[in-house]
Amino acid sequence: MKILVYYLIIINIFTFLLYGMDKWKAKHHRWRISESALLLAAIAGGSVGALAGMYGFHHKTLHRKFTIGVPVFLILQIMLLLWFPGR
């Protein structure tokens, strides 16, 4: 269980920073991080970091696949954690 907690902390920090980096790249007309990579980070357990990045950096908040998809990923991840507590 400790490993899962550490994993979730790391993936959410990583995802938050990824969204921030993509926002910075968008502002500076640099090569962007793909939407699929951003969504994959959220699916991989970083949905809290993705939501924090979306609204903290005001990034991808007008894209339905993010405004609907990321909260759905979060709900599914919470359901999984509740379904398999302590395993």
N, C-alpha and C. Protein backbone atom coordinates (compact mmCIF):
# COMPACT_ATOMS: atom_id res chain seq x y z
N MET A 1 0.82 -1.20 0.00
CA MET A 1 0.00 0.00 0.00
C MET A 1 0.86 1.26 0.00
N LYS A 2 2.00 1.22 0.74
CA LYS A 2 2.90 2.37 0.75
C LYS A 2 3.41 2.70 -0.64
N ILE A 3 3.73 1.65 -1.39
CA ILE A 3 4.25 1.86 -2.74
C ILE A 3 3.21 2.56 -3.61
N LEU A 4 1.95 2.16 -3.47
CA LEU A 4 0.88 2.79 -4.24
C LEU A 4 0.76 4.27 -3.89
N VAL A 5 0.85 4.59 -2.62
CA VAL A 5 0.76 5.99 -2.18
C VAL A 5 1.92 6.80 -2.76
N TYR A 6 3.14 6.25 -2.69
CA TYR A 6 4.30 6.94 -3.26
C TYR A 6 4.14 7.11 -4.77
N TYR A 7 3.67 6.06 -5.43
CA TYR A 7 3.45 6.13 -6.88
C TYR A 7 2.46 7.25 -7.22
N LEU A 8 1.34 7.29 -6.50
CA LEU A 8 0.32 8.31 -6.79
C LEU A 8 0.85 9.72 -6.54
N ILE A 9 1.63 9.90 -5.51
CA ILE A 9 2.22 11.21 -5.25
C ILE A 9 3.14 11.61 -6.40
N ILE A 10 4.02 10.70 -6.80
CA ILE A 10 4.99 11.00 -7.86
C ILE A 10 4.29 11.24 -9.20
N ILE A 11 3.34 10.39 -9.58
CA ILE A 11 2.68 10.54 -10.88
C ILE A 11 1.85 11.82 -10.93
N ASN A 12 1.27 12.21 -9.81
CA ASN A 12 0.47 13.44 -9.80
C ASN A 12 1.35 14.69 -9.86
N ILE A 13 2.48 14.68 -9.19
CA ILE A 13 3.42 15.80 -9.31
C ILE A 13 3.95 15.87 -10.74
N PHE A 14 4.33 14.72 -11.29
CA PHE A 14 4.82 14.66 -12.67
C PHE A 14 3.77 15.20 -13.64
N THR A 15 2.53 14.77 -13.49
CA THR A 15 1.46 15.19 -14.39
C THR A 15 1.20 16.68 -14.28
N PHE A 16 1.17 17.19 -13.06
CA PHE A 16 0.99 18.62 -12.85
C PHE A 16 2.08 19.42 -13.57
N LEU A 17 3.32 18.99 -13.39
CA LEU A 17 4.44 19.67 -14.05
C LEU A 17 4.38 19.54 -15.57
N LEU A 18 3.90 18.39 -16.05
CA LEU A 18 3.76 18.17 -17.49
C LEU A 18 2.77 19.16 -18.09
N TYR A 19 1.63 19.37 -17.42
CA TYR A 19 0.64 20.34 -17.89
C TYR A 19 1.22 21.75 -17.85
N GLY A 20 1.97 22.06 -16.81
CA GLY A 20 2.60 23.37 -16.72
C GLY A 20 3.64 23.58 -17.81
N MET A 21 4.41 22.54 -18.09
CA MET A 21 5.42 22.63 -19.14
C MET A 21 4.76 22.82 -20.51
N ASP A 22 3.66 22.11 -20.75
CA ASP A 22 2.97 22.26 -22.04
C ASP A 22 2.38 23.66 -22.18
N LYS A 23 1.86 24.21 -21.10
CA LYS A 23 1.33 25.58 -21.14
C LYS A 23 2.45 26.56 -21.45
N TRP A 24 3.60 26.38 -20.82
CA TRP A 24 4.75 27.25 -21.08
C TRP A 24 5.17 27.15 -22.55
N LYS A 25 5.22 25.91 -23.05
CA LYS A 25 5.60 25.71 -24.45
C LYS A 25 4.60 26.35 -25.39
N ALA A 26 3.31 26.29 -25.05
CA ALA A 26 2.28 26.91 -25.88
C ALA A 26 2.48 28.43 -25.94
N LYS A 27 2.78 29.03 -24.81
CA LYS A 27 2.98 30.49 -24.77
C LYS A 27 4.22 30.93 -25.53
N HIS A 28 5.23 30.06 -25.56
CA HIS A 28 6.50 30.41 -26.19
C HIS A 28 6.68 29.79 -27.57
N HIS A 29 5.59 29.30 -28.14
CA HIS A 29 5.60 28.72 -29.50
C HIS A 29 6.67 27.66 -29.67
N ARG A 30 6.76 26.77 -28.71
CA ARG A 30 7.72 25.66 -28.75
C ARG A 30 7.02 24.38 -29.13
N TRP A 31 7.81 23.35 -29.37
CA TRP A 31 7.28 22.02 -29.68
C TRP A 31 6.47 21.54 -28.48
N ARG A 32 5.22 21.16 -28.72
CA ARG A 32 4.28 20.86 -27.64
C ARG A 32 4.29 19.39 -27.22
N ILE A 33 3.79 19.15 -26.04
CA ILE A 33 3.57 17.79 -25.54
C ILE A 33 2.22 17.35 -26.12
N SER A 34 2.16 16.16 -26.66
CA SER A 34 0.93 15.71 -27.32
C SER A 34 -0.22 15.57 -26.32
N GLU A 35 -1.43 15.78 -26.84
CA GLU A 35 -2.61 15.61 -26.00
C GLU A 35 -2.71 14.18 -25.48
N SER A 36 -2.30 13.23 -26.31
CA SER A 36 -2.37 11.83 -25.88
C SER A 36 -1.42 11.58 -24.70
N ALA A 37 -0.26 12.23 -24.69
CA ALA A 37 0.68 12.07 -23.57
C ALA A 37 0.10 12.70 -22.30
N LEU A 38 -0.55 13.84 -22.44
CA LEU A 38 -1.17 14.49 -21.28
C LEU A 38 -2.29 13.62 -20.71
N LEU A 39 -3.11 13.07 -21.59
CA LEU A 39 -4.20 12.20 -21.14
C LEU A 39 -3.67 10.89 -20.57
N LEU A 40 -2.62 10.36 -21.16
CA LEU A 40 -2.03 9.12 -20.66
C LEU A 40 -1.50 9.30 -19.23
N ALA A 41 -0.91 10.44 -18.97
CA ALA A 41 -0.41 10.72 -17.62
C ALA A 41 -1.58 10.76 -16.63
N ALA A 42 -2.71 11.31 -17.05
CA ALA A 42 -3.90 11.33 -16.19
C ALA A 42 -4.44 9.93 -15.98
N ILE A 43 -4.49 9.14 -17.03
CA ILE A 43 -4.99 7.76 -16.94
C ILE A 43 -4.08 6.91 -16.05
N ALA A 44 -2.79 7.18 -16.09
CA ALA A 44 -1.81 6.39 -15.35
C ALA A 44 -1.85 6.66 -13.84
N GLY A 45 -2.82 7.46 -13.40
CA GLY A 45 -2.96 7.74 -11.98
C GLY A 45 -2.77 9.20 -11.63
N GLY A 46 -2.46 10.02 -12.62
CA GLY A 46 -2.20 11.43 -12.38
C GLY A 46 -3.38 12.35 -12.61
N SER A 47 -4.59 11.85 -12.39
CA SER A 47 -5.78 12.65 -12.68
C SER A 47 -5.91 13.87 -11.75
N VAL A 48 -5.49 13.74 -10.51
CA VAL A 48 -5.53 14.89 -9.60
C VAL A 48 -4.54 15.95 -10.07
N GLY A 49 -3.34 15.52 -10.44
CA GLY A 49 -2.34 16.45 -10.97
C GLY A 49 -2.78 17.09 -12.27
N ALA A 50 -3.48 16.31 -13.11
CA ALA A 50 -3.99 16.83 -14.37
C ALA A 50 -5.04 17.91 -14.12
N LEU A 51 -5.96 17.65 -13.22
CA LEU A 51 -6.99 18.66 -12.89
C LEU A 51 -6.35 19.91 -12.29
N ALA A 52 -5.39 19.70 -11.39
CA ALA A 52 -4.71 20.85 -10.78
C ALA A 52 -3.95 21.64 -11.84
N GLY A 53 -3.31 20.94 -12.78
CA GLY A 53 -2.59 21.60 -13.86
C GLY A 53 -3.52 22.33 -14.82
N MET A 54 -4.64 21.68 -15.13
CA MET A 54 -5.60 22.30 -16.05
C MET A 54 -6.11 23.62 -15.50
N TYR A 55 -6.52 23.61 -14.25
CA TYR A 55 -7.12 24.81 -13.68
C TYR A 55 -6.11 25.75 -13.05
N GLY A 56 -4.98 25.22 -12.60
CA GLY A 56 -3.92 26.08 -12.06
C GLY A 56 -3.21 26.87 -13.15
N PHE A 57 -2.99 26.22 -14.29
CA PHE A 57 -2.31 26.88 -15.41
C PHE A 57 -3.29 27.38 -16.47
N HIS A 58 -4.59 27.18 -16.26
CA HIS A 58 -5.63 27.52 -17.25
C HIS A 58 -5.27 26.91 -18.60
N HIS A 59 -5.08 25.61 -18.57
CA HIS A 59 -4.59 24.90 -19.76
C HIS A 59 -5.51 23.74 -20.10
N LYS A 60 -5.96 23.67 -21.33
CA LYS A 60 -6.83 22.60 -21.85
C LYS A 60 -8.23 22.64 -21.23
N THR A 61 -8.62 23.77 -20.67
CA THR A 61 -9.92 23.86 -20.02
C THR A 61 -11.06 24.08 -21.01
N LEU A 62 -10.76 24.31 -22.27
CA LEU A 62 -11.79 24.47 -23.29
C LEU A 62 -11.92 23.23 -24.17
N HIS A 63 -11.15 22.20 -23.87
CA HIS A 63 -11.18 20.96 -24.66
C HIS A 63 -12.03 19.92 -23.93
N ARG A 64 -13.09 19.46 -24.58
CA ARG A 64 -14.01 18.52 -23.93
C ARG A 64 -13.33 17.23 -23.51
N LYS A 65 -12.40 16.75 -24.33
CA LYS A 65 -11.76 15.49 -23.95
C LYS A 65 -10.99 15.62 -22.64
N PHE A 66 -10.63 16.83 -22.28
CA PHE A 66 -9.95 17.07 -21.01
C PHE A 66 -10.95 17.42 -19.90
N THR A 67 -11.90 18.32 -20.19
CA THR A 67 -12.83 18.75 -19.14
C THR A 67 -13.80 17.64 -18.74
N ILE A 68 -14.04 16.71 -19.63
CA ILE A 68 -14.88 15.56 -19.30
C ILE A 68 -14.02 14.35 -18.96
N GLY A 69 -13.00 14.10 -19.78
CA GLY A 69 -12.18 12.90 -19.62
C GLY A 69 -11.42 12.83 -18.31
N VAL A 70 -10.75 13.89 -17.93
CA VAL A 70 -9.92 13.86 -16.73
C VAL A 70 -10.77 13.65 -15.46
N PRO A 71 -11.91 14.34 -15.30
CA PRO A 71 -12.74 14.03 -14.13
C PRO A 71 -13.27 12.59 -14.14
N VAL A 72 -13.57 12.06 -15.31
CA VAL A 72 -14.01 10.67 -15.41
C VAL A 72 -12.89 9.74 -14.97
N PHE A 73 -11.66 10.03 -15.40
CA PHE A 73 -10.51 9.22 -14.97
C PHE A 73 -10.37 9.26 -13.45
N LEU A 74 -10.55 10.44 -12.87
CA LEU A 74 -10.44 10.59 -11.42
C LEU A 74 -11.50 9.75 -10.71
N ILE A 75 -12.72 9.83 -11.17
CA ILE A 75 -13.80 9.04 -10.56
C ILE A 75 -13.50 7.55 -10.66
N LEU A 76 -13.05 7.10 -11.83
CA LEU A 76 -12.71 5.69 -12.00
C LEU A 76 -11.56 5.27 -11.09
N GLN A 77 -10.58 6.13 -10.95
CA GLN A 77 -9.45 5.81 -10.08
C GLN A 77 -9.86 5.75 -8.61
N ILE A 78 -10.75 6.64 -8.20
CA ILE A 78 -11.26 6.59 -6.83
C ILE A 78 -12.06 5.31 -6.62
N MET A 79 -12.87 4.95 -7.61
CA MET A 79 -13.65 3.71 -7.51
C MET A 79 -12.73 2.49 -7.39
N LEU A 80 -11.65 2.47 -8.17
CA LEU A 80 -10.69 1.37 -8.09
C LEU A 80 -10.05 1.29 -6.71
N LEU A 81 -9.67 2.44 -6.17
CA LEU A 81 -9.07 2.45 -4.84
C LEU A 81 -10.04 1.97 -3.77
N LEU A 82 -11.29 2.32 -3.92
CA LEU A 82 -12.30 1.88 -2.95
C LEU A 82 -12.64 0.40 -3.13
N TRP A 83 -12.56 -0.06 -4.38
CA TRP A 83 -12.88 -1.46 -4.69
C TRP A 83 -11.81 -2.41 -4.17
N PHE A 84 -10.55 -1.95 -4.24
CA PHE A 84 -9.42 -2.79 -3.81
C PHE A 84 -8.67 -2.16 -2.64
N PRO A 85 -9.34 -1.92 -1.52
CA PRO A 85 -8.63 -1.25 -0.41
C PRO A 85 -7.58 -2.15 0.23
N GLY A 86 -6.39 -1.64 0.35
CA GLY A 86 -5.33 -2.33 1.05
C GLY A 86 -4.76 -3.57 0.36
N ARG A 87 -5.11 -3.78 -0.88
CA ARG A 87 -4.60 -4.97 -1.58
C ARG A 87 -3.38 -4.66 -2.37
